Amino acid sequence: MVITCKTKETFKELIDKNRFCVVLVGSSGCNKCSGMIPVIETVYQKFPYITYMIVPERVIREYTRPLMVHATSVLFFKDGLRQSTIKRSKSPHSYEVHIKKMLKNDDR
């Protein structure tokens, strides 16, 4: 399941509450962002215990300043801290590589 976060507070709550999060930075009406949702859903099938979110660019900018992120960036969080970022990748393999790095040394 992919959660849509519309506020900084909801985003922060989910990042803090969930051990692992994959966050797609999106903009409303962005075709490229919409095209990445099936990729996220494909990756979810392999790693269903990770929280997946779509967050508007403005919310991410409020939360992560001065980190510069843009629509179609994907952020990987572990224990509330950003581990890595990829941009505009529609390859499930790219996500899996980052997720596996994030899970490294974890007991899953």
PDB file of N, CA and C in Angstrom:
ATOM      1  N   MET A   1       0.833  -1.181   0.000  1.00  0.00           N
ATOM      2  CA  MET A   1       0.000   0.000   0.000  1.00  0.00           C
ATOM      3  C   MET A   1       0.879   1.247   0.000  1.00  0.00           C
ATOM      4  N   VAL A   2       0.476   2.224  -0.772  1.00  0.00           N
ATOM      5  CA  VAL A   2       1.197   3.486  -0.843  1.00  0.00           C
ATOM      6  C   VAL A   2       0.339   4.552  -0.171  1.00  0.00           C
ATOM      7  N   ILE A   3       0.919   5.245   0.805  1.00  0.00           N
ATOM      8  CA  ILE A   3       0.212   6.276   1.568  1.00  0.00           C
ATOM      9  C   ILE A   3       0.521   7.635   0.958  1.00  0.00           C
ATOM     10  N   THR A   4      -0.482   8.480   0.841  1.00  0.00           N
ATOM     11  CA  THR A   4      -0.271   9.858   0.394  1.00  0.00           C
ATOM     12  C   THR A   4      -0.261  10.764   1.612  1.00  0.00           C
ATOM     13  N   CYS A   5       0.835  11.498   1.803  1.00  0.00           N
ATOM     14  CA  CYS A   5       0.963  12.445   2.919  1.00  0.00           C
ATOM     15  C   CYS A   5       0.781  13.850   2.372  1.00  0.00           C
ATOM     16  N   LYS A   6      -0.089  14.615   2.994  1.00  0.00           N
ATOM     17  CA  LYS A   6      -0.338  15.971   2.501  1.00  0.00           C
ATOM     18  C   LYS A   6       0.186  17.059   3.427  1.00  0.00           C
ATOM     19  N   THR A   7       0.637  16.670   4.624  1.00  0.00           N
ATOM     20  CA  THR A   7       1.155  17.668   5.565  1.00  0.00           C
ATOM     21  C   THR A   7       2.504  17.235   6.116  1.00  0.00           C
ATOM     22  N   LYS A   8       3.257  18.215   6.539  1.00  0.00           N
ATOM     23  CA  LYS A   8       4.559  17.954   7.148  1.00  0.00           C
ATOM     24  C   LYS A   8       4.396  17.124   8.413  1.00  0.00           C
ATOM     25  N   GLU A   9       3.332  17.387   9.168  1.00  0.00           N
ATOM     26  CA  GLU A   9       3.098  16.681  10.428  1.00  0.00           C
ATOM     27  C   GLU A   9       2.835  15.189  10.188  1.00  0.00           C
ATOM     28  N   THR A  10       1.999  14.886   9.187  1.00  0.00           N
ATOM     29  CA  THR A  10       1.711  13.487   8.864  1.00  0.00           C
ATOM     30  C   THR A  10       2.971  12.785   8.388  1.00  0.00           C
ATOM     31  N   PHE A  11       3.737  13.464   7.548  1.00  0.00           N
ATOM     32  CA  PHE A  11       4.986  12.899   7.042  1.00  0.00           C
ATOM     33  C   PHE A  11       5.921  12.585   8.196  1.00  0.00           C
ATOM     34  N   LYS A  12       6.126  13.555   9.082  1.00  0.00           N
ATOM     35  CA  LYS A  12       7.035  13.357  10.218  1.00  0.00           C
ATOM     36  C   LYS A  12       6.548  12.215  11.107  1.00  0.00           C
ATOM     37  N   GLU A  13       5.249  12.157  11.360  1.00  0.00           N
ATOM     38  CA  GLU A  13       4.684  11.092  12.183  1.00  0.00           C
ATOM     39  C   GLU A  13       4.968   9.712  11.578  1.00  0.00           C
ATOM     40  N   LEU A  14       4.772   9.581  10.268  1.00  0.00           N
ATOM     41  CA  LEU A  14       5.004   8.280   9.617  1.00  0.00           C
ATOM     42  C   LEU A  14       6.492   7.925   9.576  1.00  0.00           C
ATOM     43  N   ILE A  15       7.342   8.915   9.340  1.00  0.00           N
ATOM     44  CA  ILE A  15       8.792   8.673   9.311  1.00  0.00           C
ATOM     45  C   ILE A  15       9.267   8.218  10.697  1.00  0.00           C
ATOM     46  N   ASP A  16       8.741   8.864  11.734  1.00  0.00           N
ATOM     47  CA  ASP A  16       9.153   8.525  13.100  1.00  0.00           C
ATOM     48  C   ASP A  16       8.576   7.186  13.565  1.00  0.00           C
ATOM     49  N   LYS A  17       7.374   6.862  13.114  1.00  0.00           N
ATOM     50  CA  LYS A  17       6.666   5.665  13.578  1.00  0.00           C
ATOM     51  C   LYS A  17       7.125   4.379  12.888  1.00  0.00           C
ATOM     52  N   ASN A  18       7.559   4.494  11.656  1.00  0.00           N
ATOM     53  CA  ASN A  18       7.920   3.318  10.863  1.00  0.00           C
ATOM     54  C   ASN A  18       9.427   3.204  10.719  1.00  0.00           C
ATOM     55  N   ARG A  19       9.940   2.027  10.950  1.00  0.00           N
ATOM     56  CA  ARG A  19      11.396   1.818  10.905  1.00  0.00           C
ATOM     57  C   ARG A  19      11.988   2.090   9.517  1.00  0.00           C
ATOM     58  N   PHE A  20      11.315   1.618   8.472  1.00  0.00           N
ATOM     59  CA  PHE A  20      11.802   1.792   7.103  1.00  0.00           C
ATOM     60  C   PHE A  20      10.735   2.481   6.259  1.00  0.00           C
ATOM     61  N   CYS A  21      11.138   3.510   5.509  1.00  0.00           N
ATOM     62  CA  CYS A  21      10.204   4.228   4.641  1.00  0.00           C
ATOM     63  C   CYS A  21      10.853   4.515   3.290  1.00  0.00           C
ATOM     64  N   VAL A  22      10.060   4.367   2.252  1.00  0.00           N
ATOM     65  CA  VAL A  22      10.451   4.763   0.905  1.00  0.00           C
ATOM     66  C   VAL A  22       9.481   5.864   0.502  1.00  0.00           C
ATOM     67  N   VAL A  23      10.029   7.029   0.139  1.00  0.00           N
ATOM     68  CA  VAL A  23       9.209   8.212  -0.094  1.00  0.00           C
ATOM     69  C   VAL A  23       9.404   8.714  -1.520  1.00  0.00           C
ATOM     70  N   LEU A  24       8.318   8.727  -2.290  1.00  0.00           N
ATOM     71  CA  LEU A  24       8.322   9.319  -3.623  1.00  0.00           C
ATOM     72  C   LEU A  24       7.895  10.765  -3.476  1.00  0.00           C
ATOM     73  N   VAL A  25       8.753  11.678  -3.921  1.00  0.00           N
ATOM     74  CA  VAL A  25       8.416  13.096  -3.896  1.00  0.00           C
ATOM     75  C   VAL A  25       7.648  13.389  -5.169  1.00  0.00           C
ATOM     76  N   GLY A  26       6.418  13.850  -5.004  1.00  0.00           N
ATOM     77  CA  GLY A  26       5.571  14.080  -6.166  1.00  0.00           C
ATOM     78  C   GLY A  26       4.968  15.463  -6.169  1.00  0.00           C
ATOM     79  N   SER A  27       4.454  15.832  -7.321  1.00  0.00           N
ATOM     80  CA  SER A  27       3.702  17.073  -7.471  1.00  0.00           C
ATOM     81  C   SER A  27       2.355  16.719  -8.048  1.00  0.00           C
ATOM     82  N   SER A  28       1.343  17.444  -7.635  1.00  0.00           N
ATOM     83  CA  SER A  28       0.015  17.132  -8.160  1.00  0.00           C
ATOM     84  C   SER A  28      -0.010  17.356  -9.667  1.00  0.00           C
ATOM     85  N   GLY A  29      -0.552  16.398 -10.350  1.00  0.00           N
ATOM     86  CA  GLY A  29      -0.658  16.493 -11.800  1.00  0.00           C
ATOM     87  C   GLY A  29       0.626  16.172 -12.554  1.00  0.00           C
ATOM     88  N   CYS A  30       1.644  15.699 -11.868  1.00  0.00           N
ATOM     89  CA  CYS A  30       2.921  15.381 -12.514  1.00  0.00           C
ATOM     90  C   CYS A  30       2.827  13.999 -13.153  1.00  0.00           C
ATOM     91  N   ASN A  31       2.918  13.952 -14.470  1.00  0.00           N
ATOM     92  CA  ASN A  31       2.826  12.675 -15.176  1.00  0.00           C
ATOM     93  C   ASN A  31       3.998  11.748 -14.849  1.00  0.00           C
ATOM     94  N   LYS A  32       5.191  12.311 -14.708  1.00  0.00           N
ATOM     95  CA  LYS A  32       6.360  11.486 -14.376  1.00  0.00           C
ATOM     96  C   LYS A  32       6.187  10.833 -13.005  1.00  0.00           C
ATOM     97  N   CYS A  33       5.649  11.603 -12.055  1.00  0.00           N
ATOM     98  CA  CYS A  33       5.422  11.062 -10.708  1.00  0.00           C
ATOM     99  C   CYS A  33       4.398   9.932 -10.761  1.00  0.00           C
ATOM    100  N   SER A  34       3.312  10.164 -11.493  1.00  0.00           N
ATOM    101  CA  SER A  34       2.270   9.139 -11.633  1.00  0.00           C
ATOM    102  C   SER A  34       2.839   7.876 -12.262  1.00  0.00           C
ATOM    103  N   GLY A  35       3.774   8.041 -13.183  1.00  0.00           N
ATOM    104  CA  GLY A  35       4.392   6.898 -13.843  1.00  0.00           C
ATOM    105  C   GLY A  35       5.284   6.083 -12.927  1.00  0.00           C
ATOM    106  N   MET A  36       5.710   6.675 -11.817  1.00  0.00           N
ATOM    107  CA  MET A  36       6.583   5.962 -10.886  1.00  0.00           C
ATOM    108  C   MET A  36       5.797   5.150  -9.860  1.00  0.00           C
ATOM    109  N   ILE A  37       4.520   5.436  -9.697  1.00  0.00           N
ATOM    110  CA  ILE A  37       3.708   4.722  -8.705  1.00  0.00           C
ATOM    111  C   ILE A  37       3.669   3.214  -8.972  1.00  0.00           C
ATOM    112  N   PRO A  38       3.495   2.759 -10.231  1.00  0.00           N
ATOM    113  CA  PRO A  38       3.532   1.306 -10.458  1.00  0.00           C
ATOM    114  C   PRO A  38       4.869   0.671 -10.065  1.00  0.00           C
ATOM    115  N   VAL A  39       5.952   1.418 -10.201  1.00  0.00           N
ATOM    116  CA  VAL A  39       7.266   0.890  -9.805  1.00  0.00           C
ATOM    117  C   VAL A  39       7.298   0.698  -8.296  1.00  0.00           C
ATOM    118  N   ILE A  40       6.808   1.688  -7.570  1.00  0.00           N
ATOM    119  CA  ILE A  40       6.755   1.595  -6.106  1.00  0.00           C
ATOM    120  C   ILE A  40       5.889   0.399  -5.702  1.00  0.00           C
ATOM    121  N   GLU A  41       4.765   0.230  -6.372  1.00  0.00           N
ATOM    122  CA  GLU A  41       3.876  -0.887  -6.037  1.00  0.00           C
ATOM    123  C   GLU A  41       4.524  -2.236  -6.339  1.00  0.00           C
ATOM    124  N   THR A  42       5.342  -2.302  -7.376  1.00  0.00           N
ATOM    125  CA  THR A  42       6.073  -3.529  -7.703  1.00  0.00           C
ATOM    126  C   THR A  42       7.082  -3.851  -6.601  1.00  0.00           C
ATOM    127  N   VAL A  43       7.805  -2.844  -6.162  1.00  0.00           N
ATOM    128  CA  VAL A  43       8.804  -3.037  -5.103  1.00  0.00           C
ATOM    129  C   VAL A  43       8.116  -3.431  -3.800  1.00  0.00           C
ATOM    130  N   TYR A  44       6.946  -2.866  -3.541  1.00  0.00           N
ATOM    131  CA  TYR A  44       6.174  -3.200  -2.343  1.00  0.00           C
ATOM    132  C   TYR A  44       5.899  -4.701  -2.256  1.00  0.00           C
ATOM    133  N   GLN A  45       5.665  -5.332  -3.396  1.00  0.00           N
ATOM    134  CA  GLN A  45       5.389  -6.772  -3.401  1.00  0.00           C
ATOM    135  C   GLN A  45       6.558  -7.567  -2.816  1.00  0.00           C
ATOM    136  N   LYS A  46       7.775  -7.078  -3.024  1.00  0.00           N
ATOM    137  CA  LYS A  46       8.971  -7.765  -2.511  1.00  0.00           C
ATOM    138  C   LYS A  46       9.288  -7.403  -1.064  1.00  0.00           C
ATOM    139  N   PHE A  47       8.954  -6.181  -0.687  1.00  0.00           N
ATOM    140  CA  PHE A  47       9.278  -5.671   0.650  1.00  0.00           C
ATOM    141  C   PHE A  47       8.018  -5.065   1.283  1.00  0.00           C
ATOM    142  N   PRO A  48       7.025  -5.883   1.625  1.00  0.00           N
ATOM    143  CA  PRO A  48       5.749  -5.343   2.120  1.00  0.00           C
ATOM    144  C   PRO A  48       5.804  -4.759   3.532  1.00  0.00           C
ATOM    145  N   TYR A  49       6.860  -5.024   4.265  1.00  0.00           N
ATOM    146  CA  TYR A  49       6.973  -4.516   5.634  1.00  0.00           C
ATOM    147  C   TYR A  49       7.552  -3.105   5.682  1.00  0.00           C
ATOM    148  N   ILE A  50       7.871  -2.533   4.541  1.00  0.00           N
ATOM    149  CA  ILE A  50       8.375  -1.162   4.465  1.00  0.00           C
ATOM    150  C   ILE A  50       7.199  -0.237   4.168  1.00  0.00           C
ATOM    151  N   THR A  51       7.218   0.957   4.734  1.00  0.00           N
ATOM    152  CA  THR A  51       6.176   1.948   4.486  1.00  0.00           C
ATOM    153  C   THR A  51       6.540   2.740   3.233  1.00  0.00           C
ATOM    154  N   TYR A  52       5.583   2.854   2.325  1.00  0.00           N
ATOM    155  CA  TYR A  52       5.783   3.581   1.065  1.00  0.00           C
ATOM    156  C   TYR A  52       4.868   4.793   1.062  1.00  0.00           C
ATOM    157  N   MET A  53       5.429   5.961   0.722  1.00  0.00           N
ATOM    158  CA  MET A  53       4.655   7.198   0.754  1.00  0.00           C
ATOM    159  C   MET A  53       4.866   8.020  -0.504  1.00  0.00           C
ATOM    160  N   ILE A  54       3.838   8.774  -0.848  1.00  0.00           N
ATOM    161  CA  ILE A  54       3.953   9.825  -1.849  1.00  0.00           C
ATOM    162  C   ILE A  54       3.755  11.125  -1.091  1.00  0.00           C
ATOM    163  N   VAL A  55       4.701  12.030  -1.240  1.00  0.00           N
ATOM    164  CA  VAL A  55       4.669  13.272  -0.483  1.00  0.00           C
ATOM    165  C   VAL A  55       4.885  14.434  -1.450  1.00  0.00           C
ATOM    166  N   PRO A  56       4.040  15.474  -1.375  1.00  0.00           N
ATOM    167  CA  PRO A  56       4.232  16.630  -2.251  1.00  0.00           C
ATOM    168  C   PRO A  56       5.591  17.292  -2.019  1.00  0.00           C
ATOM    169  N   GLU A  57       6.132  17.829  -3.069  1.00  0.00           N
ATOM    170  CA  GLU A  57       7.438  18.480  -3.011  1.00  0.00           C
ATOM    171  C   GLU A  57       7.475  19.566  -1.936  1.00  0.00           C
ATOM    172  N   ARG A  58       6.413  20.348  -1.804  1.00  0.00           N
ATOM    173  CA  ARG A  58       6.382  21.443  -0.812  1.00  0.00           C
ATOM    174  C   ARG A  58       6.500  20.908   0.621  1.00  0.00           C
ATOM    175  N   VAL A  59       5.911  19.734   0.897  1.00  0.00           N
ATOM    176  CA  VAL A  59       5.974  19.138   2.240  1.00  0.00           C
ATOM    177  C   VAL A  59       7.401  18.673   2.524  1.00  0.00           C
ATOM    178  N   ILE A  60       8.014  18.026   1.555  1.00  0.00           N
ATOM    179  CA  ILE A  60       9.401  17.565   1.724  1.00  0.00           C
ATOM    180  C   ILE A  60      10.322  18.750   1.957  1.00  0.00           C
ATOM    181  N   ARG A  61      10.128  19.820   1.195  1.00  0.00           N
ATOM    182  CA  ARG A  61      10.983  21.004   1.371  1.00  0.00           C
ATOM    183  C   ARG A  61      10.822  21.605   2.768  1.00  0.00           C
ATOM    184  N   GLU A  62       9.611  21.619   3.303  1.00  0.00           N
ATOM    185  CA  GLU A  62       9.391  22.120   4.665  1.00  0.00           C
ATOM    186  C   GLU A  62      10.111  21.247   5.689  1.00  0.00           C
ATOM    187  N   TYR A  63      10.108  19.954   5.453  1.00  0.00           N
ATOM    188  CA  TYR A  63      10.668  19.007   6.425  1.00  0.00           C
ATOM    189  C   TYR A  63      12.178  18.871   6.325  1.00  0.00           C
ATOM    190  N   THR A  64      12.718  18.909   5.129  1.00  0.00           N
ATOM    191  CA  THR A  64      14.117  18.526   4.935  1.00  0.00           C
ATOM    192  C   THR A  64      15.066  19.678   4.653  1.00  0.00           C
ATOM    193  N   ARG A  65      14.617  20.892   4.773  1.00  0.00           N
ATOM    194  CA  ARG A  65      15.520  22.003   4.453  1.00  0.00           C
ATOM    195  C   ARG A  65      16.858  21.806   5.125  1.00  0.00           C
ATOM    196  N   PRO A  66      17.961  22.103   4.544  1.00  0.00           N
ATOM    197  CA  PRO A  66      18.155  22.648   3.212  1.00  0.00           C
ATOM    198  C   PRO A  66      18.306  21.582   2.119  1.00  0.00           C
ATOM    199  N   LEU A  67      17.961  20.339   2.417  1.00  0.00           N
ATOM    200  CA  LEU A  67      18.094  19.277   1.425  1.00  0.00           C
ATOM    201  C   LEU A  67      17.301  19.629   0.174  1.00  0.00           C
ATOM    202  N   MET A  68      17.942  19.616  -0.947  1.00  0.00           N
ATOM    203  CA  MET A  68      17.272  19.937  -2.206  1.00  0.00           C
ATOM    204  C   MET A  68      16.761  18.656  -2.842  1.00  0.00           C
ATOM    205  N   VAL A  69      15.462  18.539  -2.925  1.00  0.00           N
ATOM    206  CA  VAL A  69      14.846  17.406  -3.595  1.00  0.00           C
ATOM    207  C   VAL A  69      13.825  17.948  -4.586  1.00  0.00           C
ATOM    208  N   HIS A  70      13.537  17.172  -5.582  1.00  0.00           N
ATOM    209  CA  HIS A  70      12.604  17.583  -6.624  1.00  0.00           C
ATOM    210  C   HIS A  70      11.594  16.473  -6.847  1.00  0.00           C
ATOM    211  N   ALA A  71      10.520  16.830  -7.512  1.00  0.00           N
ATOM    212  CA  ALA A  71       9.521  15.833  -7.879  1.00  0.00           C
ATOM    213  C   ALA A  71      10.228  14.710  -8.623  1.00  0.00           C
ATOM    214  N   THR A  72       9.824  13.530  -8.383  1.00  0.00           N
ATOM    215  CA  THR A  72      10.353  12.257  -8.897  1.00  0.00           C
ATOM    216  C   THR A  72      11.612  11.788  -8.160  1.00  0.00           C
ATOM    217  N   SER A  73      12.024  12.497  -7.114  1.00  0.00           N
ATOM    218  CA  SER A  73      13.086  11.970  -6.258  1.00  0.00           C
ATOM    219  C   SER A  73      12.469  10.906  -5.358  1.00  0.00           C
ATOM    220  N   VAL A  74      13.258   9.916  -4.999  1.00  0.00           N
ATOM    221  CA  VAL A  74      12.814   8.891  -4.065  1.00  0.00           C
ATOM    222  C   VAL A  74      13.816   8.873  -2.913  1.00  0.00           C
ATOM    223  N   LEU A  75      13.289   9.045  -1.694  1.00  0.00           N
ATOM    224  CA  LEU A  75      14.121   9.095  -0.500  1.00  0.00           C
ATOM    225  C   LEU A  75      13.917   7.817   0.298  1.00  0.00           C
ATOM    226  N   PHE A  76      14.989   7.313   0.871  1.00  0.00           N
ATOM    227  CA  PHE A  76      14.952   6.086   1.676  1.00  0.00           C
ATOM    228  C   PHE A  76      15.306   6.461   3.110  1.00  0.00           C
ATOM    229  N   PHE A  77      14.394   6.158   4.045  1.00  0.00           N
ATOM    230  CA  PHE A  77      14.579   6.491   5.457  1.00  0.00           C
ATOM    231  C   PHE A  77      14.655   5.228   6.291  1.00  0.00           C
ATOM    232  N   LYS A  78      15.530   5.275   7.294  1.00  0.00           N
ATOM    233  CA  LYS A  78      15.625   4.207   8.292  1.00  0.00           C
ATOM    234  C   LYS A  78      15.681   4.879   9.661  1.00  0.00           C
ATOM    235  N   ASP A  79      14.791   4.489  10.543  1.00  0.00           N
ATOM    236  CA  ASP A  79      14.728   5.065  11.888  1.00  0.00           C
ATOM    237  C   ASP A  79      14.650   6.591  11.854  1.00  0.00           C
ATOM    238  N   GLY A  80      13.889   7.126  10.902  1.00  0.00           N
ATOM    239  CA  GLY A  80      13.674   8.570  10.813  1.00  0.00           C
ATOM    240  C   GLY A  80      14.772   9.360  10.140  1.00  0.00           C
ATOM    241  N   LEU A  81      15.844   8.694   9.717  1.00  0.00           N
ATOM    242  CA  LEU A  81      16.967   9.390   9.081  1.00  0.00           C
ATOM    243  C   LEU A  81      17.074   8.994   7.605  1.00  0.00           C
ATOM    244  N   ARG A  82      17.313   9.989   6.767  1.00  0.00           N
ATOM    245  CA  ARG A  82      17.459   9.710   5.342  1.00  0.00           C
ATOM    246  C   ARG A  82      18.750   8.936   5.101  1.00  0.00           C
ATOM    247  N   GLN A  83      18.628   7.821   4.402  1.00  0.00           N
ATOM    248  CA  GLN A  83      19.776   6.970   4.099  1.00  0.00           C
ATOM    249  C   GLN A  83      20.339   7.232   2.710  1.00  0.00           C
ATOM    250  N   SER A  84      19.441   7.449   1.738  1.00  0.00           N
ATOM    251  CA  SER A  84      19.891   7.688   0.369  1.00  0.00           C
ATOM    252  C   SER A  84      18.759   8.283  -0.449  1.00  0.00           C
ATOM    253  N   THR A  85      19.109   8.723  -1.658  1.00  0.00           N
ATOM    254  CA  THR A  85      18.150   9.339  -2.580  1.00  0.00           C
ATOM    255  C   THR A  85      18.459   8.876  -3.987  1.00  0.00           C
ATOM    256  N   ILE A  86      17.422   8.615  -4.760  1.00  0.00           N
ATOM    257  CA  ILE A  86      17.601   8.399  -6.199  1.00  0.00           C
ATOM    258  C   ILE A  86      16.629   9.324  -6.924  1.00  0.00           C
ATOM    259  N   LYS A  87      16.946   9.620  -8.164  1.00  0.00           N
ATOM    260  CA  LYS A  87      16.106  10.537  -8.932  1.00  0.00           C
ATOM    261  C   LYS A  87      15.638   9.895 -10.223  1.00  0.00           C
ATOM    262  N   ARG A  88      14.367  10.015 -10.475  1.00  0.00           N
ATOM    263  CA  ARG A  88      13.734   9.657 -11.746  1.00  0.00           C
ATOM    264  C   ARG A  88      14.015   8.238 -12.224  1.00  0.00           C
ATOM    265  N   SER A  89      14.116   7.306 -11.335  1.00  0.00           N
ATOM    266  CA  SER A  89      14.364   5.926 -11.742  1.00  0.00           C
ATOM    267  C   SER A  89      13.058   5.158 -11.831  1.00  0.00           C
ATOM    268  N   LYS A  90      12.842   4.520 -12.970  1.00  0.00           N
ATOM    269  CA  LYS A  90      11.669   3.666 -13.116  1.00  0.00           C
ATOM    270  C   LYS A  90      12.068   2.190 -13.078  1.00  0.00           C
ATOM    271  N   SER A  91      13.272   1.927 -12.628  1.00  0.00           N
ATOM    272  CA  SER A  91      13.764   0.560 -12.551  1.00  0.00           C
ATOM    273  C   SER A  91      13.541   0.005 -11.139  1.00  0.00           C
ATOM    274  N   PRO A  92      12.706  -1.017 -10.992  1.00  0.00           N
ATOM    275  CA  PRO A  92      12.534  -1.621  -9.663  1.00  0.00           C
ATOM    276  C   PRO A  92      13.865  -2.072  -9.062  1.00  0.00           C
ATOM    277  N   HIS A  93      14.798  -2.472  -9.905  1.00  0.00           N
ATOM    278  CA  HIS A  93      16.104  -2.925  -9.417  1.00  0.00           C
ATOM    279  C   HIS A  93      16.814  -1.802  -8.649  1.00  0.00           C
ATOM    280  N   SER A  94      16.740  -0.573  -9.140  1.00  0.00           N
ATOM    281  CA  SER A  94      17.379   0.558  -8.443  1.00  0.00           C
ATOM    282  C   SER A  94      16.840   0.701  -7.032  1.00  0.00           C
ATOM    283  N   TYR A  95      15.526   0.581  -6.890  1.00  0.00           N
ATOM    284  CA  TYR A  95      14.899   0.687  -5.570  1.00  0.00           C
ATOM    285  C   TYR A  95      15.366  -0.458  -4.685  1.00  0.00           C
ATOM    286  N   GLU A  96      15.396  -1.660  -5.241  1.00  0.00           N
ATOM    287  CA  GLU A  96      15.786  -2.830  -4.467  1.00  0.00           C
ATOM    288  C   GLU A  96      17.210  -2.701  -3.942  1.00  0.00           C
ATOM    289  N   VAL A  97      18.113  -2.162  -4.755  1.00  0.00           N
ATOM    290  CA  VAL A  97      19.497  -1.974  -4.321  1.00  0.00           C
ATOM    291  C   VAL A  97      19.542  -1.046  -3.107  1.00  0.00           C
ATOM    292  N   HIS A  98      18.821   0.066  -3.180  1.00  0.00           N
ATOM    293  CA  HIS A  98      18.809   1.019  -2.064  1.00  0.00           C
ATOM    294  C   HIS A  98      18.131   0.430  -0.832  1.00  0.00           C
ATOM    295  N   ILE A  99      17.051  -0.308  -1.036  1.00  0.00           N
ATOM    296  CA  ILE A  99      16.367  -0.934   0.096  1.00  0.00           C
ATOM    297  C   ILE A  99      17.269  -1.966   0.766  1.00  0.00           C
ATOM    298  N   LYS A 100      17.959  -2.763  -0.020  1.00  0.00           N
ATOM    299  CA  LYS A 100      18.847  -3.775   0.562  1.00  0.00           C
ATOM    300  C   LYS A 100      19.976  -3.129   1.359  1.00  0.00           C
ATOM    301  N   LYS A 101      20.494  -1.993   0.880  1.00  0.00           N
ATOM    302  CA  LYS A 101      21.512  -1.272   1.646  1.00  0.00           C
ATOM    303  C   LYS A 101      20.929  -0.777   2.962  1.00  0.00           C
ATOM    304  N   MET A 102      19.693  -0.287   2.896  1.00  0.00           N
ATOM    305  CA  MET A 102      19.036   0.239   4.071  1.00  0.00           C
ATOM    306  C   MET A 102      18.780  -0.889   5.090  1.00  0.00           C
ATOM    307  N   LEU A 103      18.489  -2.078   4.591  1.00  0.00           N
ATOM    308  CA  LEU A 103      18.194  -3.219   5.475  1.00  0.00           C
ATOM    309  C   LEU A 103      19.447  -3.907   6.000  1.00  0.00           C
ATOM    310  N   LYS A 104      20.584  -3.595   5.396  1.00  0.00           N
ATOM    311  CA  LYS A 104      21.833  -4.247   5.788  1.00  0.00           C
ATOM    312  C   LYS A 104      22.046  -4.085   7.305  1.00  0.00           C
ATOM    313  N   ASN A 105      22.523  -5.137   7.909  1.00  0.00           N
ATOM    314  CA  ASN A 105      22.767  -5.174   9.354  1.00  0.00           C
ATOM    315  C   ASN A 105      21.482  -5.084  10.175  1.00  0.00           C
ATOM    316  N   ASP A 106      20.373  -5.366   9.538  1.00  0.00           N
ATOM    317  CA  ASP A 106      19.110  -5.411  10.264  1.00  0.00           C
ATOM    318  C   ASP A 106      18.752  -6.879  10.426  1.00  0.00           C
ATOM    319  N   ASP A 107      17.883  -7.195  11.355  1.00  0.00           N
ATOM    320  CA  ASP A 107      17.581  -8.602  11.616  1.00  0.00           C
ATOM    321  C   ASP A 107      16.390  -9.124  10.813  1.00  0.00           C
ATOM    322  N   ARG A 108      16.094  -8.568   9.681  1.00  0.00           N
ATOM    323  CA  ARG A 108      15.004  -9.063   8.813  1.00  0.00           C
ATOM    324  C   ARG A 108      15.523 -10.160   7.921  1.00  0.00           C
TER     325      ARG A 108
END
